[in-house]
């Protein structure tokens, strides 16, 4: 397990992740606040009503619970993560009537094909050992008419971007090319592909045709 994954599995980080760690690092990387990211996530995923949502690498569950608040009826959000400390924090801090948490491997999701109306992974694909396999799994469980949205690292062609790749290589964080996720989505038949770049992060969303 590389440095980045060991860090994410540390109980101490789980305690402060959403209060300080994530908001600070993501603002520096993207210039965006957590509140803006959450609102845009609901919009990108077209969340409403009785939709079924899967949040991959949910961490302590702050995004998962927020996504669940956009639902009603039989709608619910499931947060999946590999880190036991993160899930323990999620259950303690972010339980709710429309949210649940599950320990699992993003590369082998324990779900049938096409059962979620929305699938997302915000700021974690660069930590997963095989992010392409994880992305394919996200597409596999996405229902016809459903929406997928991810936030991932972005390879910039400047001195800062080169430095970020060096740090990523040392720590175990992957830095992705611009075209890797839009191309992967298109290859799997997804449409309405939208990619937005904010500093060192890329936000990519798409739909599965009806």
N, C-alpha and C. Protein backbone atom coordinates (compact mmCIF):
# COMPACT_ATOMS: atom_id res chain seq x y z
N UNK A 1 0.85 -1.19 0.00
CA UNK A 1 0.00 0.00 0.00
C UNK A 1 0.89 1.24 0.00
N UNK A 2 0.65 2.16 -0.96
CA UNK A 2 1.49 3.34 -1.07
C UNK A 2 1.16 4.37 -0.01
N UNK A 3 1.96 5.44 0.03
CA UNK A 3 1.81 6.46 1.06
C UNK A 3 0.42 7.08 1.05
N UNK A 4 -0.08 7.40 -0.14
CA UNK A 4 -1.39 8.04 -0.22
C UNK A 4 -2.48 7.15 0.36
N UNK A 5 -2.48 5.87 0.03
CA UNK A 5 -3.52 4.97 0.52
C UNK A 5 -3.36 4.71 2.01
N UNK A 6 -2.12 4.63 2.51
CA UNK A 6 -1.92 4.47 3.96
C UNK A 6 -2.48 5.66 4.70
N UNK A 7 -2.26 6.85 4.14
CA UNK A 7 -2.77 8.07 4.78
C UNK A 7 -4.28 8.04 4.85
N UNK A 8 -4.94 7.65 3.76
CA UNK A 8 -6.40 7.65 3.74
C UNK A 8 -7.01 6.60 4.66
N UNK A 9 -6.23 5.62 5.06
CA UNK A 9 -6.71 4.59 5.98
C UNK A 9 -6.36 4.88 7.43
N UNK A 10 -5.80 6.05 7.70
CA UNK A 10 -5.40 6.41 9.05
C UNK A 10 -6.60 6.96 9.83
N UNK A 11 -6.87 6.44 11.03
CA UNK A 11 -7.99 6.95 11.82
C UNK A 11 -7.89 8.45 12.11
N UNK A 12 -6.67 8.95 12.31
CA UNK A 12 -6.50 10.37 12.61
C UNK A 12 -6.98 11.24 11.45
N UNK A 13 -6.72 10.82 10.23
CA UNK A 13 -7.17 11.60 9.08
C UNK A 13 -8.69 11.57 8.96
N UNK A 14 -9.29 10.42 9.22
CA UNK A 14 -10.74 10.32 9.13
C UNK A 14 -11.43 11.32 10.04
N UNK A 15 -10.80 11.62 11.18
CA UNK A 15 -11.41 12.53 12.15
C UNK A 15 -11.43 13.97 11.67
N UNK A 16 -10.46 14.34 10.81
CA UNK A 16 -10.35 15.76 10.40
C UNK A 16 -10.54 15.95 8.90
N UNK A 17 -10.82 14.87 8.18
CA UNK A 17 -10.80 14.93 6.72
C UNK A 17 -11.74 15.99 6.16
N UNK A 18 -13.01 15.95 6.52
CA UNK A 18 -13.97 16.90 5.96
C UNK A 18 -13.98 18.24 6.68
N UNK A 19 -13.43 18.29 7.87
CA UNK A 19 -13.41 19.56 8.60
C UNK A 19 -12.27 20.47 8.14
N UNK A 20 -11.16 19.87 7.75
CA UNK A 20 -10.00 20.70 7.42
C UNK A 20 -9.22 20.20 6.21
N UNK A 21 -8.90 18.91 6.18
CA UNK A 21 -8.00 18.36 5.16
C UNK A 21 -8.55 18.56 3.75
N UNK A 22 -9.73 17.99 3.47
CA UNK A 22 -10.26 18.05 2.12
C UNK A 22 -10.60 19.48 1.68
N UNK A 23 -11.31 20.28 2.50
CA UNK A 23 -11.62 21.63 2.03
C UNK A 23 -10.38 22.45 1.66
N UNK A 24 -9.32 22.30 2.44
CA UNK A 24 -8.10 23.07 2.19
C UNK A 24 -7.40 22.60 0.92
N UNK A 25 -7.17 21.30 0.81
CA UNK A 25 -6.44 20.77 -0.34
C UNK A 25 -7.22 20.98 -1.64
N UNK A 26 -8.53 20.76 -1.61
CA UNK A 26 -9.30 20.90 -2.84
C UNK A 26 -9.44 22.36 -3.25
N UNK A 27 -9.46 23.27 -2.29
CA UNK A 27 -9.50 24.68 -2.67
C UNK A 27 -8.18 25.09 -3.32
N UNK A 28 -7.07 24.63 -2.78
CA UNK A 28 -5.77 24.94 -3.37
C UNK A 28 -5.65 24.32 -4.77
N UNK A 29 -6.19 23.11 -4.94
CA UNK A 29 -6.06 22.41 -6.21
C UNK A 29 -7.00 22.93 -7.28
N UNK A 30 -8.18 23.44 -6.88
CA UNK A 30 -9.20 23.79 -7.87
C UNK A 30 -9.70 25.22 -7.78
N UNK A 31 -9.49 25.89 -6.65
CA UNK A 31 -10.06 27.21 -6.45
C UNK A 31 -11.54 27.17 -6.15
N UNK A 32 -12.05 26.00 -5.81
CA UNK A 32 -13.47 25.83 -5.55
C UNK A 32 -13.71 25.41 -4.11
N UNK A 33 -14.83 25.84 -3.55
CA UNK A 33 -15.18 25.46 -2.19
C UNK A 33 -15.93 24.14 -2.19
N UNK A 34 -15.95 23.49 -1.03
CA UNK A 34 -16.69 22.25 -0.89
C UNK A 34 -18.17 22.47 -1.15
N UNK A 35 -18.70 23.60 -0.68
CA UNK A 35 -20.13 23.89 -0.89
C UNK A 35 -20.46 23.98 -2.37
N UNK A 36 -19.61 24.62 -3.15
CA UNK A 36 -19.83 24.72 -4.59
C UNK A 36 -19.76 23.35 -5.24
N UNK A 37 -18.80 22.53 -4.83
CA UNK A 37 -18.68 21.19 -5.39
C UNK A 37 -19.93 20.35 -5.11
N UNK A 38 -20.45 20.45 -3.90
CA UNK A 38 -21.65 19.67 -3.55
C UNK A 38 -22.86 20.10 -4.38
N UNK A 39 -23.06 21.40 -4.50
CA UNK A 39 -24.20 21.88 -5.29
C UNK A 39 -24.08 21.45 -6.74
N UNK A 40 -22.87 21.55 -7.30
CA UNK A 40 -22.67 21.15 -8.69
C UNK A 40 -22.83 19.65 -8.88
N UNK A 41 -22.50 18.87 -7.84
CA UNK A 41 -22.67 17.42 -7.92
C UNK A 41 -24.13 17.06 -8.07
N UNK A 42 -25.00 17.70 -7.29
CA UNK A 42 -26.44 17.44 -7.39
C UNK A 42 -26.94 17.80 -8.78
N UNK A 43 -26.45 18.92 -9.32
CA UNK A 43 -26.86 19.35 -10.66
C UNK A 43 -26.35 18.39 -11.73
N UNK A 44 -25.06 18.02 -11.65
CA UNK A 44 -24.46 17.14 -12.66
C UNK A 44 -25.12 15.76 -12.69
N UNK A 45 -25.55 15.29 -11.52
CA UNK A 45 -26.15 13.96 -11.42
C UNK A 45 -27.67 13.97 -11.62
N UNK A 46 -28.24 15.17 -11.79
CA UNK A 46 -29.69 15.32 -11.99
C UNK A 46 -30.47 14.66 -10.86
N UNK A 47 -30.08 14.93 -9.64
CA UNK A 47 -30.69 14.25 -8.50
C UNK A 47 -32.02 14.86 -8.12
N UNK A 48 -32.98 13.96 -7.91
CA UNK A 48 -34.30 14.34 -7.43
C UNK A 48 -35.09 13.06 -7.19
N UNK A 49 -36.17 13.18 -6.48
CA UNK A 49 -37.12 12.10 -6.34
C UNK A 49 -36.56 10.80 -5.80
N UNK A 50 -36.98 9.70 -6.41
CA UNK A 50 -36.67 8.36 -5.90
C UNK A 50 -35.45 7.72 -6.54
N UNK A 51 -34.49 8.51 -6.93
CA UNK A 51 -33.31 7.96 -7.59
C UNK A 51 -32.41 7.22 -6.61
N UNK A 52 -31.67 6.25 -7.17
CA UNK A 52 -30.74 5.44 -6.39
C UNK A 52 -29.32 5.90 -6.75
N UNK A 53 -28.54 6.27 -5.75
CA UNK A 53 -27.24 6.91 -5.96
C UNK A 53 -26.14 6.07 -5.32
N UNK A 54 -25.02 5.94 -6.02
CA UNK A 54 -23.84 5.26 -5.48
C UNK A 54 -22.68 6.23 -5.48
N UNK A 55 -22.11 6.46 -4.30
CA UNK A 55 -20.99 7.37 -4.12
C UNK A 55 -19.74 6.54 -3.83
N UNK A 56 -18.85 6.43 -4.81
CA UNK A 56 -17.64 5.61 -4.70
C UNK A 56 -16.56 6.37 -3.94
N UNK A 57 -15.85 5.65 -3.04
CA UNK A 57 -14.79 6.25 -2.22
C UNK A 57 -15.37 7.43 -1.44
N UNK A 58 -16.41 7.14 -0.69
CA UNK A 58 -17.20 8.18 -0.02
C UNK A 58 -16.50 8.81 1.17
N UNK A 59 -15.40 8.19 1.67
CA UNK A 59 -14.73 8.75 2.84
C UNK A 59 -15.66 8.81 4.03
N UNK A 60 -15.67 9.93 4.77
CA UNK A 60 -16.53 10.03 5.95
C UNK A 60 -17.97 10.40 5.65
N UNK A 61 -18.36 10.38 4.39
CA UNK A 61 -19.77 10.44 4.05
C UNK A 61 -20.41 11.81 3.90
N UNK A 62 -19.63 12.86 3.94
CA UNK A 62 -20.23 14.20 3.85
C UNK A 62 -20.92 14.43 2.51
N UNK A 63 -20.28 14.04 1.41
CA UNK A 63 -20.92 14.17 0.11
C UNK A 63 -22.12 13.24 0.01
N UNK A 64 -21.98 12.01 0.50
CA UNK A 64 -23.05 11.04 0.39
C UNK A 64 -24.32 11.53 1.06
N UNK A 65 -24.18 12.02 2.27
CA UNK A 65 -25.36 12.51 2.99
C UNK A 65 -25.96 13.72 2.27
N UNK A 66 -25.11 14.61 1.76
CA UNK A 66 -25.61 15.78 1.04
C UNK A 66 -26.40 15.35 -0.20
N UNK A 67 -25.87 14.39 -0.94
CA UNK A 67 -26.57 13.90 -2.12
C UNK A 67 -27.93 13.31 -1.75
N UNK A 68 -27.97 12.60 -0.62
CA UNK A 68 -29.23 11.96 -0.20
C UNK A 68 -30.30 13.00 0.14
N UNK A 69 -29.87 14.19 0.53
CA UNK A 69 -30.83 15.23 0.91
C UNK A 69 -31.61 15.77 -0.29
N UNK A 70 -31.14 15.48 -1.51
CA UNK A 70 -31.85 15.92 -2.73
C UNK A 70 -32.92 14.92 -3.15
N UNK A 71 -33.04 13.80 -2.42
CA UNK A 71 -33.93 12.72 -2.81
C UNK A 71 -35.18 12.69 -1.94
N UNK A 72 -36.22 12.01 -2.44
CA UNK A 72 -37.40 11.75 -1.62
C UNK A 72 -38.01 10.44 -2.08
N UNK A 73 -39.19 10.13 -1.58
CA UNK A 73 -39.83 8.86 -1.93
C UNK A 73 -38.95 7.68 -1.53
N UNK A 74 -38.69 6.79 -2.49
CA UNK A 74 -37.85 5.62 -2.23
C UNK A 74 -36.38 5.87 -2.57
N UNK A 75 -36.01 7.11 -2.80
CA UNK A 75 -34.63 7.42 -3.15
C UNK A 75 -33.67 7.20 -1.99
N UNK A 76 -32.44 6.83 -2.32
CA UNK A 76 -31.41 6.65 -1.29
C UNK A 76 -30.03 6.79 -1.93
N UNK A 77 -29.03 7.02 -1.08
CA UNK A 77 -27.63 7.10 -1.51
C UNK A 77 -26.81 6.10 -0.71
N UNK A 78 -25.98 5.34 -1.41
CA UNK A 78 -25.06 4.41 -0.76
C UNK A 78 -23.64 4.94 -0.93
N UNK A 79 -22.93 5.04 0.18
CA UNK A 79 -21.52 5.40 0.14
C UNK A 79 -20.66 4.17 0.29
N UNK A 80 -19.74 3.96 -0.64
CA UNK A 80 -18.85 2.80 -0.59
C UNK A 80 -17.41 3.27 -0.43
N UNK A 81 -16.68 2.64 0.47
CA UNK A 81 -15.27 3.00 0.69
C UNK A 81 -14.52 1.76 1.16
N UNK A 82 -13.19 1.76 0.93
CA UNK A 82 -12.35 0.65 1.36
C UNK A 82 -11.81 0.85 2.77
N UNK A 83 -11.79 2.10 3.23
CA UNK A 83 -11.19 2.45 4.51
C UNK A 83 -12.16 2.25 5.66
N UNK A 84 -11.83 1.36 6.58
CA UNK A 84 -12.67 1.14 7.75
C UNK A 84 -12.78 2.38 8.64
N UNK A 85 -11.67 3.10 8.91
CA UNK A 85 -11.80 4.32 9.72
C UNK A 85 -12.70 5.38 9.08
N UNK A 86 -12.62 5.54 7.76
CA UNK A 86 -13.47 6.51 7.09
C UNK A 86 -14.94 6.11 7.21
N UNK A 87 -15.25 4.83 7.03
CA UNK A 87 -16.63 4.38 7.14
C UNK A 87 -17.16 4.51 8.56
N UNK A 88 -16.31 4.25 9.53
CA UNK A 88 -16.74 4.43 10.93
C UNK A 88 -17.11 5.88 11.19
N UNK A 89 -16.34 6.79 10.65
CA UNK A 89 -16.64 8.21 10.80
C UNK A 89 -17.93 8.56 10.06
N UNK A 90 -18.14 7.96 8.88
CA UNK A 90 -19.36 8.22 8.11
C UNK A 90 -20.60 7.80 8.89
N UNK A 91 -20.56 6.63 9.49
CA UNK A 91 -21.70 6.12 10.25
C UNK A 91 -21.96 7.01 11.47
N UNK A 92 -20.89 7.50 12.10
CA UNK A 92 -21.04 8.34 13.29
C UNK A 92 -21.55 9.73 12.94
N UNK A 93 -20.97 10.34 11.89
CA UNK A 93 -21.23 11.75 11.60
C UNK A 93 -22.28 11.99 10.52
N UNK A 94 -22.50 11.04 9.63
CA UNK A 94 -23.32 11.31 8.45
C UNK A 94 -24.34 10.23 8.16
N UNK A 95 -24.96 9.71 9.22
CA UNK A 95 -26.08 8.80 9.05
C UNK A 95 -27.31 9.61 8.66
N UNK A 96 -28.31 8.94 8.13
CA UNK A 96 -29.54 9.61 7.76
C UNK A 96 -30.56 8.63 7.23
N UNK A 97 -31.80 9.05 7.06
CA UNK A 97 -32.86 8.14 6.65
C UNK A 97 -32.73 7.64 5.21
N UNK A 98 -31.95 8.35 4.37
CA UNK A 98 -31.81 7.95 2.97
C UNK A 98 -30.36 7.67 2.60
N UNK A 99 -29.55 7.32 3.58
CA UNK A 99 -28.13 7.09 3.30
C UNK A 99 -27.65 5.86 4.06
N UNK A 100 -26.78 5.07 3.42
CA UNK A 100 -26.18 3.92 4.04
C UNK A 100 -24.75 3.76 3.55
N UNK A 101 -23.95 2.99 4.28
CA UNK A 101 -22.52 2.86 3.96
C UNK A 101 -22.11 1.39 3.88
N UNK A 102 -21.14 1.14 3.00
CA UNK A 102 -20.72 -0.23 2.73
C UNK A 102 -19.22 -0.25 2.46
N UNK A 103 -18.53 -1.22 3.05
CA UNK A 103 -17.10 -1.39 2.74
C UNK A 103 -16.98 -2.26 1.50
N UNK A 104 -16.19 -1.80 0.53
CA UNK A 104 -16.03 -2.57 -0.69
C UNK A 104 -14.90 -2.05 -1.54
N UNK A 105 -14.56 -2.81 -2.56
CA UNK A 105 -13.49 -2.49 -3.50
C UNK A 105 -14.10 -1.88 -4.75
N UNK A 106 -13.71 -0.65 -5.08
CA UNK A 106 -14.27 0.04 -6.24
C UNK A 106 -13.97 -0.70 -7.54
N UNK A 107 -12.96 -1.54 -7.55
CA UNK A 107 -12.59 -2.27 -8.77
C UNK A 107 -13.48 -3.48 -9.01
N UNK A 108 -14.22 -3.90 -7.98
CA UNK A 108 -15.12 -5.06 -8.07
C UNK A 108 -16.37 -4.74 -7.26
N UNK A 109 -17.24 -3.94 -7.81
CA UNK A 109 -18.42 -3.49 -7.07
C UNK A 109 -19.39 -4.66 -6.84
N UNK A 110 -19.93 -4.77 -5.63
CA UNK A 110 -20.82 -5.89 -5.29
C UNK A 110 -22.27 -5.62 -5.67
N UNK A 111 -22.49 -5.15 -6.90
CA UNK A 111 -23.83 -4.80 -7.36
C UNK A 111 -24.07 -5.37 -8.76
N UNK A 112 -25.33 -5.60 -9.06
CA UNK A 112 -25.71 -6.07 -10.40
C UNK A 112 -25.57 -4.93 -11.41
N UNK A 113 -25.61 -5.29 -12.66
CA UNK A 113 -25.52 -4.29 -13.73
C UNK A 113 -26.71 -3.33 -13.71
N UNK A 114 -26.45 -2.08 -13.98
CA UNK A 114 -27.49 -1.11 -14.28
C UNK A 114 -28.52 -0.85 -13.22
N UNK A 115 -28.14 -0.80 -11.95
CA UNK A 115 -29.14 -0.63 -10.90
C UNK A 115 -29.14 0.75 -10.25
N UNK A 116 -28.18 1.61 -10.58
CA UNK A 116 -28.13 2.94 -9.98
C UNK A 116 -28.46 4.02 -11.01
N UNK A 117 -29.25 4.99 -10.58
CA UNK A 117 -29.61 6.11 -11.44
C UNK A 117 -28.50 7.16 -11.51
N UNK A 118 -27.62 7.14 -10.54
CA UNK A 118 -26.50 8.08 -10.51
C UNK A 118 -25.32 7.41 -9.81
N UNK A 119 -24.14 7.57 -10.38
CA UNK A 119 -22.91 7.01 -9.81
C UNK A 119 -21.85 8.10 -9.84
N UNK A 120 -21.12 8.25 -8.75
CA UNK A 120 -20.12 9.31 -8.70
C UNK A 120 -18.89 8.88 -7.92
N UNK A 121 -17.80 9.59 -8.18
CA UNK A 121 -16.55 9.42 -7.43
C UNK A 121 -15.85 10.77 -7.45
N UNK A 122 -15.84 11.42 -6.31
CA UNK A 122 -15.31 12.78 -6.24
C UNK A 122 -13.97 12.82 -5.50
N UNK A 123 -12.91 13.01 -6.28
CA UNK A 123 -11.60 13.21 -5.68
C UNK A 123 -10.98 11.97 -5.08
N UNK A 124 -11.09 10.82 -5.76
CA UNK A 124 -10.50 9.61 -5.20
C UNK A 124 -9.94 8.65 -6.24
N UNK A 125 -10.29 8.81 -7.52
CA UNK A 125 -9.81 7.87 -8.53
C UNK A 125 -8.29 7.80 -8.57
N UNK A 126 -7.62 8.90 -8.27
CA UNK A 126 -6.15 8.89 -8.30
C UNK A 126 -5.54 8.11 -7.15
N UNK A 127 -6.36 7.67 -6.18
CA UNK A 127 -5.88 6.84 -5.08
C UNK A 127 -6.09 5.35 -5.32
N UNK A 128 -7.02 5.03 -6.21
CA UNK A 128 -7.39 3.63 -6.43
C UNK A 128 -6.33 2.95 -7.30
N UNK A 129 -5.87 1.74 -6.92
CA UNK A 129 -4.78 1.09 -7.66
C UNK A 129 -5.04 0.93 -9.16
N UNK A 130 -6.27 0.63 -9.55
CA UNK A 130 -6.60 0.52 -10.98
C UNK A 130 -7.81 1.42 -11.25
N UNK A 131 -7.57 2.72 -11.47
CA UNK A 131 -8.70 3.65 -11.62
C UNK A 131 -9.54 3.40 -12.87
N UNK A 132 -8.95 2.83 -13.91
CA UNK A 132 -9.72 2.55 -15.12
C UNK A 132 -10.69 1.41 -14.87
N UNK A 133 -10.24 0.38 -14.17
CA UNK A 133 -11.15 -0.71 -13.81
C UNK A 133 -12.28 -0.20 -12.93
N UNK A 134 -11.97 0.69 -12.00
CA UNK A 134 -13.00 1.26 -11.12
C UNK A 134 -14.00 2.08 -11.93
N UNK A 135 -13.52 2.83 -12.90
CA UNK A 135 -14.42 3.64 -13.73
C UNK A 135 -15.33 2.75 -14.57
N UNK A 136 -14.78 1.69 -15.11
CA UNK A 136 -15.60 0.75 -15.88
C UNK A 136 -16.68 0.12 -15.01
N UNK A 137 -16.35 -0.17 -13.76
CA UNK A 137 -17.34 -0.71 -12.83
C UNK A 137 -18.44 0.30 -12.56
N UNK A 138 -18.08 1.57 -12.43
CA UNK A 138 -19.08 2.61 -12.25
C UNK A 138 -20.05 2.66 -13.42
N UNK A 139 -19.50 2.54 -14.63
CA UNK A 139 -20.35 2.54 -15.82
C UNK A 139 -21.23 1.29 -15.86
N UNK A 140 -20.68 0.16 -15.44
CA UNK A 140 -21.43 -1.10 -15.47
C UNK A 140 -22.69 -1.04 -14.62
N UNK A 141 -22.61 -0.42 -13.46
CA UNK A 141 -23.76 -0.42 -12.54
C UNK A 141 -24.71 0.75 -12.80
N UNK A 142 -24.40 1.58 -13.80
CA UNK A 142 -25.23 2.73 -14.12
C UNK A 142 -26.42 2.31 -14.99
N UNK A 143 -27.60 2.72 -14.58
CA UNK A 143 -28.83 2.34 -15.29
C UNK A 143 -29.00 3.17 -16.56
N UNK A 144 -29.74 2.65 -17.54
CA UNK A 144 -30.10 3.46 -18.72
C UNK A 144 -30.77 4.76 -18.29
N UNK A 145 -30.33 5.86 -18.89
CA UNK A 145 -30.82 7.16 -18.51
C UNK A 145 -30.13 7.76 -17.30
N UNK A 146 -29.22 7.01 -16.70
CA UNK A 146 -28.53 7.47 -15.50
C UNK A 146 -27.38 8.41 -15.79
N UNK A 147 -26.88 9.03 -14.72
CA UNK A 147 -25.80 10.01 -14.83
C UNK A 147 -24.59 9.55 -14.03
N UNK A 148 -23.40 9.82 -14.58
CA UNK A 148 -22.14 9.54 -13.90
C UNK A 148 -21.36 10.84 -13.79
N UNK A 149 -20.67 11.04 -12.67
CA UNK A 149 -19.86 12.24 -12.49
C UNK A 149 -18.63 11.89 -11.66
N UNK A 150 -17.48 12.42 -12.09
CA UNK A 150 -16.23 12.19 -11.36
C UNK A 150 -15.46 13.50 -11.23
N UNK A 151 -14.63 13.54 -10.20
CA UNK A 151 -13.60 14.56 -10.08
C UNK A 151 -12.27 13.83 -10.00
N UNK A 152 -11.33 14.21 -10.84
CA UNK A 152 -10.04 13.53 -10.87
C UNK A 152 -8.93 14.56 -11.08
N UNK A 153 -7.72 14.13 -10.91
CA UNK A 153 -6.57 15.00 -11.14
C UNK A 153 -6.46 15.33 -12.63
N UNK A 154 -5.70 16.37 -12.92
CA UNK A 154 -5.60 16.88 -14.29
C UNK A 154 -4.14 17.23 -14.58
N UNK A 155 -3.64 16.73 -15.69
CA UNK A 155 -2.24 16.93 -16.06
C UNK A 155 -2.09 18.26 -16.80
N UNK A 156 -1.49 19.25 -16.15
CA UNK A 156 -1.26 20.55 -16.78
C UNK A 156 0.14 20.60 -17.36
N UNK A 157 0.29 21.27 -18.49
CA UNK A 157 1.57 21.35 -19.19
C UNK A 157 2.28 22.66 -18.82
N UNK A 158 2.70 22.72 -17.56
CA UNK A 158 3.46 23.88 -17.08
C UNK A 158 4.33 23.42 -15.92
N UNK A 159 5.24 24.26 -15.42
CA UNK A 159 6.13 23.82 -14.34
C UNK A 159 5.40 23.29 -13.12
N UNK A 160 4.27 23.92 -12.76
CA UNK A 160 3.52 23.45 -11.60
C UNK A 160 2.93 22.08 -11.86
N UNK A 161 2.45 21.87 -13.09
CA UNK A 161 1.92 20.57 -13.45
C UNK A 161 2.98 19.49 -13.44
N UNK A 162 4.18 19.82 -13.92
CA UNK A 162 5.27 18.84 -13.89
C UNK A 162 5.65 18.49 -12.46
N UNK A 163 5.66 19.49 -11.59
CA UNK A 163 5.98 19.25 -10.19
C UNK A 163 4.92 18.37 -9.54
N UNK A 164 3.65 18.60 -9.88
CA UNK A 164 2.57 17.79 -9.30
C UNK A 164 2.69 16.34 -9.74
N UNK A 165 3.14 16.09 -10.96
CA UNK A 165 3.31 14.71 -11.41
C UNK A 165 4.44 14.03 -10.65
N UNK A 166 5.50 14.77 -10.36
CA UNK A 166 6.61 14.20 -9.60
C UNK A 166 6.17 13.85 -8.18
N UNK A 167 5.42 14.77 -7.55
CA UNK A 167 4.93 14.51 -6.20
C UNK A 167 3.96 13.33 -6.22
N UNK A 168 3.11 13.29 -7.24
CA UNK A 168 2.16 12.19 -7.36
C UNK A 168 2.85 10.85 -7.51
N UNK A 169 3.88 10.81 -8.33
CA UNK A 169 4.63 9.57 -8.53
C UNK A 169 5.26 9.08 -7.24
N UNK A 170 5.77 10.02 -6.46
CA UNK A 170 6.41 9.65 -5.20
C UNK A 170 5.40 9.16 -4.16
N UNK A 171 4.24 9.80 -4.11
CA UNK A 171 3.26 9.52 -3.06
C UNK A 171 2.27 8.42 -3.42
N UNK A 172 2.15 8.11 -4.72
CA UNK A 172 1.18 7.12 -5.14
C UNK A 172 -0.08 7.72 -5.73
N UNK A 173 -0.13 9.03 -5.90
CA UNK A 173 -1.28 9.69 -6.52
C UNK A 173 -1.12 9.70 -8.04
N UNK A 174 -2.15 9.27 -8.76
CA UNK A 174 -2.11 9.29 -10.21
C UNK A 174 -2.49 10.67 -10.73
N UNK A 175 -1.84 11.11 -11.79
CA UNK A 175 -2.19 12.36 -12.46
C UNK A 175 -2.62 11.99 -13.88
N UNK A 176 -3.85 12.36 -14.27
CA UNK A 176 -4.46 11.86 -15.50
C UNK A 176 -4.38 12.87 -16.64
N UNK A 177 -4.25 12.36 -17.86
CA UNK A 177 -4.33 13.19 -19.05
C UNK A 177 -5.75 13.74 -19.24
N UNK A 178 -5.87 14.77 -20.04
CA UNK A 178 -7.17 15.40 -20.28
C UNK A 178 -8.18 14.47 -20.93
N UNK A 179 -7.73 13.61 -21.83
CA UNK A 179 -8.68 12.87 -22.66
C UNK A 179 -9.05 11.50 -22.12
N UNK A 180 -8.42 11.04 -21.05
CA UNK A 180 -8.60 9.64 -20.64
C UNK A 180 -10.04 9.33 -20.24
N UNK A 181 -10.68 10.18 -19.47
CA UNK A 181 -12.04 9.87 -19.02
C UNK A 181 -13.10 10.19 -20.06
N UNK A 182 -13.04 11.32 -20.77
CA UNK A 182 -14.00 11.51 -21.86
C UNK A 182 -13.92 10.40 -22.91
N UNK A 183 -12.70 9.95 -23.23
CA UNK A 183 -12.55 8.87 -24.20
C UNK A 183 -13.14 7.57 -23.67
N UNK A 184 -12.86 7.25 -22.41
CA UNK A 184 -13.39 6.03 -21.81
C UNK A 184 -14.92 6.06 -21.78
N UNK A 185 -15.50 7.18 -21.42
CA UNK A 185 -16.95 7.30 -21.40
C UNK A 185 -17.53 7.06 -22.81
N UNK A 186 -16.93 7.70 -23.80
CA UNK A 186 -17.42 7.56 -25.17
C UNK A 186 -17.31 6.11 -25.65
N UNK A 187 -16.21 5.44 -25.32
CA UNK A 187 -16.01 4.05 -25.73
C UNK A 187 -17.07 3.13 -25.15
N UNK A 188 -17.63 3.50 -24.00
CA UNK A 188 -18.66 2.69 -23.36
C UNK A 188 -20.07 3.18 -23.69
N UNK A 189 -20.18 4.03 -24.70
CA UNK A 189 -21.48 4.43 -25.19
C UNK A 189 -22.17 5.55 -24.43
N UNK A 190 -21.45 6.20 -23.53
CA UNK A 190 -22.05 7.30 -22.80
C UNK A 190 -22.14 8.54 -23.69
N UNK A 191 -23.10 9.41 -23.38
CA UNK A 191 -23.34 10.61 -24.19
C UNK A 191 -23.41 11.83 -23.27
N UNK A 192 -23.59 13.00 -23.89
CA UNK A 192 -23.66 14.26 -23.13
C UNK A 192 -22.44 14.42 -22.22
N UNK A 193 -21.27 14.09 -22.77
CA UNK A 193 -20.04 14.13 -21.98
C UNK A 193 -19.60 15.58 -21.80
N UNK A 194 -19.40 15.96 -20.56
CA UNK A 194 -19.00 17.34 -20.24
C UNK A 194 -17.75 17.29 -19.37
N UNK A 195 -16.72 18.03 -19.77
CA UNK A 195 -15.48 18.10 -18.99
C UNK A 195 -15.16 19.55 -18.69
N UNK A 196 -14.89 19.83 -17.42
CA UNK A 196 -14.51 21.17 -17.01
C UNK A 196 -13.23 21.09 -16.19
N UNK A 197 -12.29 21.98 -16.50
CA UNK A 197 -11.00 21.99 -15.83
C UNK A 197 -10.94 23.15 -14.86
N UNK A 198 -10.57 22.85 -13.62
CA UNK A 198 -10.35 23.88 -12.60
C UNK A 198 -8.97 23.62 -11.99
N UNK A 199 -8.00 24.40 -12.45
CA UNK A 199 -6.61 24.28 -11.99
C UNK A 199 -6.11 22.85 -12.17
N UNK A 200 -5.90 22.11 -11.08
CA UNK A 200 -5.31 20.77 -11.16
C UNK A 200 -6.35 19.66 -11.15
N UNK A 201 -7.64 20.02 -11.21
CA UNK A 201 -8.69 19.01 -11.16
C UNK A 201 -9.56 19.09 -12.42
N UNK A 202 -10.05 17.94 -12.83
CA UNK A 202 -11.01 17.88 -13.93
C UNK A 202 -12.31 17.28 -13.42
N UNK A 203 -13.41 17.89 -13.85
CA UNK A 203 -14.76 17.46 -13.50
C UNK A 203 -15.40 16.93 -14.78
N UNK A 204 -15.76 15.65 -14.77
CA UNK A 204 -16.29 15.02 -15.98
C UNK A 204 -17.62 14.33 -15.65
N UNK A 205 -18.63 14.58 -16.47
CA UNK A 205 -19.93 13.94 -16.27
C UNK A 205 -20.46 13.46 -17.62
N UNK A 206 -21.42 12.53 -17.56
CA UNK A 206 -21.99 11.97 -18.79
C UNK A 206 -23.27 11.24 -18.45
N UNK A 207 -23.99 10.82 -19.49
CA UNK A 207 -25.25 10.08 -19.34
C UNK A 207 -25.16 8.73 -20.06
N UNK A 208 -25.88 7.75 -19.54
CA UNK A 208 -26.08 6.51 -20.28
C UNK A 208 -27.39 6.63 -21.05
N UNK A 209 -27.40 6.39 -22.35
CA UNK A 209 -28.63 6.52 -23.13
C UNK A 209 -29.75 5.62 -22.58
N UNK A 210 -30.98 6.08 -22.78
CA UNK A 210 -32.15 5.30 -22.36
C UNK A 210 -32.21 3.97 -23.13
